[in-house]
Amino acid sequence: MSKRRATLFRRLRTKHRKQAMIVGVVGYTAESWAEVKATATDPQCFEESFEKWKEVALSARREFQRSGVQAVEYQIEPQVFADWCAQHQQQNDSKSRAEFVSEKLSAAYNQSA
């Protein structure tokens, strides 16, 4: 590999490292957590209590930060999520919750860009 090409690769890697990686994470209030869990097809994926979920979510966000990833929380509103599921012919499961949050945050970030 030529020296010039090696330098280009190094610059691209450096540029990639400088760009912030952003991930969306699901957020709840105590009420919305209970409502979404009650209608979920996979309630076993939820922690046994909202307080435990909050602990796990905070720990996960800290891990993202330590690894250089910005975790952006999106609060799910149960009725808006249920409407989205119906519109997209999705069930209330972990995959759909993640897809919903990703879609909403992508739209928000694309509008502000």
C-alpha atoms as a PDB file:
ATOM      1  CA  MET A   1       0.000   0.000   0.000  1.00  0.00           C
ATOM      2  CA  SER A   2       1.365   3.389  -0.914  1.00  0.00           C
ATOM      3  CA  LYS A   3       2.191   5.899   1.761  1.00  0.00           C
ATOM      4  CA  ARG A   4      -0.369   8.312   0.337  1.00  0.00           C
ATOM      5  CA  ARG A   5      -3.127   5.701   0.507  1.00  0.00           C
ATOM      6  CA  ALA A   6      -2.190   4.744   4.073  1.00  0.00           C
ATOM      7  CA  THR A   7      -2.501   8.399   5.084  1.00  0.00           C
ATOM      8  CA  LEU A   8      -5.954   8.621   3.523  1.00  0.00           C
ATOM      9  CA  PHE A   9      -7.127   5.557   5.452  1.00  0.00           C
ATOM     10  CA  ARG A  10      -5.725   7.002   8.675  1.00  0.00           C
ATOM     11  CA  ARG A  11      -7.569  10.292   8.094  1.00  0.00           C
ATOM     12  CA  LEU A  12     -10.824   8.488   7.376  1.00  0.00           C
ATOM     13  CA  ARG A  13     -10.509   6.380  10.540  1.00  0.00           C
ATOM     14  CA  THR A  14      -9.778   9.504  12.574  1.00  0.00           C
ATOM     15  CA  LYS A  15     -12.734  11.316  11.038  1.00  0.00           C
ATOM     16  CA  HIS A  16     -15.000   8.345  11.808  1.00  0.00           C
ATOM     17  CA  ARG A  17     -13.862   8.295  15.441  1.00  0.00           C
ATOM     18  CA  LYS A  18     -14.611  12.012  15.817  1.00  0.00           C
ATOM     19  CA  GLN A  19     -18.212  11.639  14.629  1.00  0.00           C
ATOM     20  CA  ALA A  20     -20.524  10.954  17.536  1.00  0.00           C
ATOM     21  CA  MET A  21     -22.446   7.741  17.361  1.00  0.00           C
ATOM     22  CA  ILE A  22     -26.004   8.125  18.610  1.00  0.00           C
ATOM     23  CA  VAL A  23     -28.397   5.393  19.671  1.00  0.00           C
ATOM     24  CA  GLY A  24     -31.996   5.721  20.699  1.00  0.00           C
ATOM     25  CA  VAL A  25     -33.154   4.171  23.926  1.00  0.00           C
ATOM     26  CA  VAL A  26     -36.715   3.635  25.072  1.00  0.00           C
ATOM     27  CA  GLY A  27     -37.862   5.825  27.932  1.00  0.00           C
ATOM     28  CA  TYR A  28     -40.915   5.525  30.140  1.00  0.00           C
ATOM     29  CA  THR A  29     -42.686   7.193  33.003  1.00  0.00           C
ATOM     30  CA  ALA A  30     -43.924   4.821  35.707  1.00  0.00           C
ATOM     31  CA  GLU A  31     -47.424   4.989  34.204  1.00  0.00           C
ATOM     32  CA  SER A  32     -46.364   4.496  30.581  1.00  0.00           C
ATOM     33  CA  TRP A  33     -44.047   1.606  31.563  1.00  0.00           C
ATOM     34  CA  ALA A  34     -46.962  -0.211  33.240  1.00  0.00           C
ATOM     35  CA  GLU A  35     -49.313   0.436  30.317  1.00  0.00           C
ATOM     36  CA  VAL A  36     -46.856  -0.661  27.628  1.00  0.00           C
ATOM     37  CA  LYS A  37     -45.895  -3.753  29.648  1.00  0.00           C
ATOM     38  CA  ALA A  38     -49.563  -4.677  30.144  1.00  0.00           C
ATOM     39  CA  THR A  39     -50.160  -4.708  26.374  1.00  0.00           C
ATOM     40  CA  ALA A  40     -46.810  -6.250  25.365  1.00  0.00           C
ATOM     41  CA  THR A  41     -46.606  -9.626  23.659  1.00  0.00           C
ATOM     42  CA  ASP A  42     -43.297 -10.119  25.478  1.00  0.00           C
ATOM     43  CA  PRO A  43     -43.898  -8.885  29.057  1.00  0.00           C
ATOM     44  CA  GLN A  44     -41.101 -11.211  30.214  1.00  0.00           C
ATOM     45  CA  CYS A  45     -38.645  -8.782  28.558  1.00  0.00           C
ATOM     46  CA  PHE A  46     -39.565  -6.127  31.124  1.00  0.00           C
ATOM     47  CA  GLU A  47     -37.962  -5.948  34.552  1.00  0.00           C
ATOM     48  CA  GLU A  48     -40.185  -6.874  37.513  1.00  0.00           C
ATOM     49  CA  SER A  49     -40.738  -3.215  38.464  1.00  0.00           C
ATOM     50  CA  PHE A  50     -40.413   0.269  37.023  1.00  0.00           C
ATOM     51  CA  GLU A  51     -37.730   1.075  39.600  1.00  0.00           C
ATOM     52  CA  LYS A  52     -35.668  -1.942  38.493  1.00  0.00           C
ATOM     53  CA  TRP A  53     -36.152  -0.943  34.843  1.00  0.00           C
ATOM     54  CA  LYS A  54     -34.952   2.568  35.692  1.00  0.00           C
ATOM     55  CA  GLU A  55     -31.774   1.145  37.310  1.00  0.00           C
ATOM     56  CA  VAL A  56     -31.037  -1.063  34.308  1.00  0.00           C
ATOM     57  CA  ALA A  57     -31.710   1.767  31.845  1.00  0.00           C
ATOM     58  CA  LEU A  58     -29.409   4.155  33.715  1.00  0.00           C
ATOM     59  CA  SER A  59     -26.654   1.545  33.822  1.00  0.00           C
ATOM     60  CA  ALA A  60     -27.009   0.903  30.085  1.00  0.00           C
ATOM     61  CA  ARG A  61     -26.803   4.618  29.295  1.00  0.00           C
ATOM     62  CA  ARG A  62     -23.621   4.908  31.376  1.00  0.00           C
ATOM     63  CA  GLU A  63     -22.102   1.976  29.457  1.00  0.00           C
ATOM     64  CA  PHE A  64     -22.950   3.660  26.162  1.00  0.00           C
ATOM     65  CA  GLN A  65     -21.291   6.876  27.359  1.00  0.00           C
ATOM     66  CA  ARG A  66     -18.161   5.018  28.468  1.00  0.00           C
ATOM     67  CA  SER A  67     -17.859   3.505  25.019  1.00  0.00           C
ATOM     68  CA  GLY A  68     -18.235   6.894  23.332  1.00  0.00           C
ATOM     69  CA  VAL A  69     -21.823   6.426  22.194  1.00  0.00           C
ATOM     70  CA  GLN A  70     -24.441   9.064  22.915  1.00  0.00           C
ATOM     71  CA  ALA A  71     -27.665   7.456  24.154  1.00  0.00           C
ATOM     72  CA  VAL A  72     -30.729   9.585  23.480  1.00  0.00           C
ATOM     73  CA  GLU A  73     -33.876   8.666  25.391  1.00  0.00           C
ATOM     74  CA  TYR A  74     -37.251   8.821  23.706  1.00  0.00           C
ATOM     75  CA  GLN A  75     -40.297   8.688  25.979  1.00  0.00           C
ATOM     76  CA  ILE A  76     -42.924   6.324  24.650  1.00  0.00           C
ATOM     77  CA  GLU A  77     -46.492   7.554  24.885  1.00  0.00           C
ATOM     78  CA  PRO A  78     -48.580   4.362  25.011  1.00  0.00           C
ATOM     79  CA  GLN A  79     -51.403   5.534  22.728  1.00  0.00           C
ATOM     80  CA  VAL A  80     -49.037   7.017  20.131  1.00  0.00           C
ATOM     81  CA  PHE A  81     -47.057   3.768  20.163  1.00  0.00           C
ATOM     82  CA  ALA A  82     -50.250   1.661  19.897  1.00  0.00           C
ATOM     83  CA  ASP A  83     -51.387   3.760  16.920  1.00  0.00           C
ATOM     84  CA  TRP A  84     -47.969   3.328  15.296  1.00  0.00           C
ATOM     85  CA  CYS A  85     -48.139  -0.447  15.824  1.00  0.00           C
ATOM     86  CA  ALA A  86     -51.589  -0.596  14.205  1.00  0.00           C
ATOM     87  CA  GLN A  87     -50.467   1.564  11.280  1.00  0.00           C
ATOM     88  CA  HIS A  88     -47.351  -0.569  10.683  1.00  0.00           C
ATOM     89  CA  GLN A  89     -49.059  -3.890  11.434  1.00  0.00           C
ATOM     90  CA  GLN A  90     -46.659  -4.536  14.309  1.00  0.00           C
ATOM     91  CA  GLN A  91     -47.085  -6.135  17.710  1.00  0.00           C
ATOM     92  CA  ASN A  92     -46.004  -4.474  20.948  1.00  0.00           C
ATOM     93  CA  ASP A  93     -42.711  -6.326  21.331  1.00  0.00           C
ATOM     94  CA  SER A  94     -39.094  -5.353  21.923  1.00  0.00           C
ATOM     95  CA  LYS A  95     -38.332  -5.185  18.198  1.00  0.00           C
ATOM     96  CA  SER A  96     -41.250  -2.830  17.538  1.00  0.00           C
ATOM     97  CA  ARG A  97     -40.463  -0.653  20.548  1.00  0.00           C
ATOM     98  CA  ALA A  98     -36.882  -0.251  19.328  1.00  0.00           C
ATOM     99  CA  GLU A  99     -37.991   0.414  15.752  1.00  0.00           C
ATOM    100  CA  PHE A 100     -40.527   2.999  16.925  1.00  0.00           C
ATOM    101  CA  VAL A 101     -37.935   4.885  18.977  1.00  0.00           C
ATOM    102  CA  SER A 102     -35.385   4.710  16.160  1.00  0.00           C
ATOM    103  CA  GLU A 103     -37.907   6.059  13.656  1.00  0.00           C
ATOM    104  CA  LYS A 104     -39.015   8.901  15.928  1.00  0.00           C
ATOM    105  CA  LEU A 105     -35.467   9.967  16.784  1.00  0.00           C
ATOM    106  CA  SER A 106     -34.321   9.715  13.166  1.00  0.00           C
ATOM    107  CA  ALA A 107     -37.165  12.009  12.154  1.00  0.00           C
ATOM    108  CA  ALA A 108     -36.321  14.460  14.933  1.00  0.00           C
ATOM    109  CA  TYR A 109     -32.600  14.527  14.094  1.00  0.00           C
ATOM    110  CA  ASN A 110     -33.218  14.845  10.341  1.00  0.00           C
ATOM    111  CA  GLN A 111     -35.505  17.837  10.930  1.00  0.00           C
ATOM    112  CA  SER A 112     -32.899  19.624  13.035  1.00  0.00           C
ATOM    113  CA  ALA A 113     -30.014  18.853  10.654  1.00  0.00           C
END
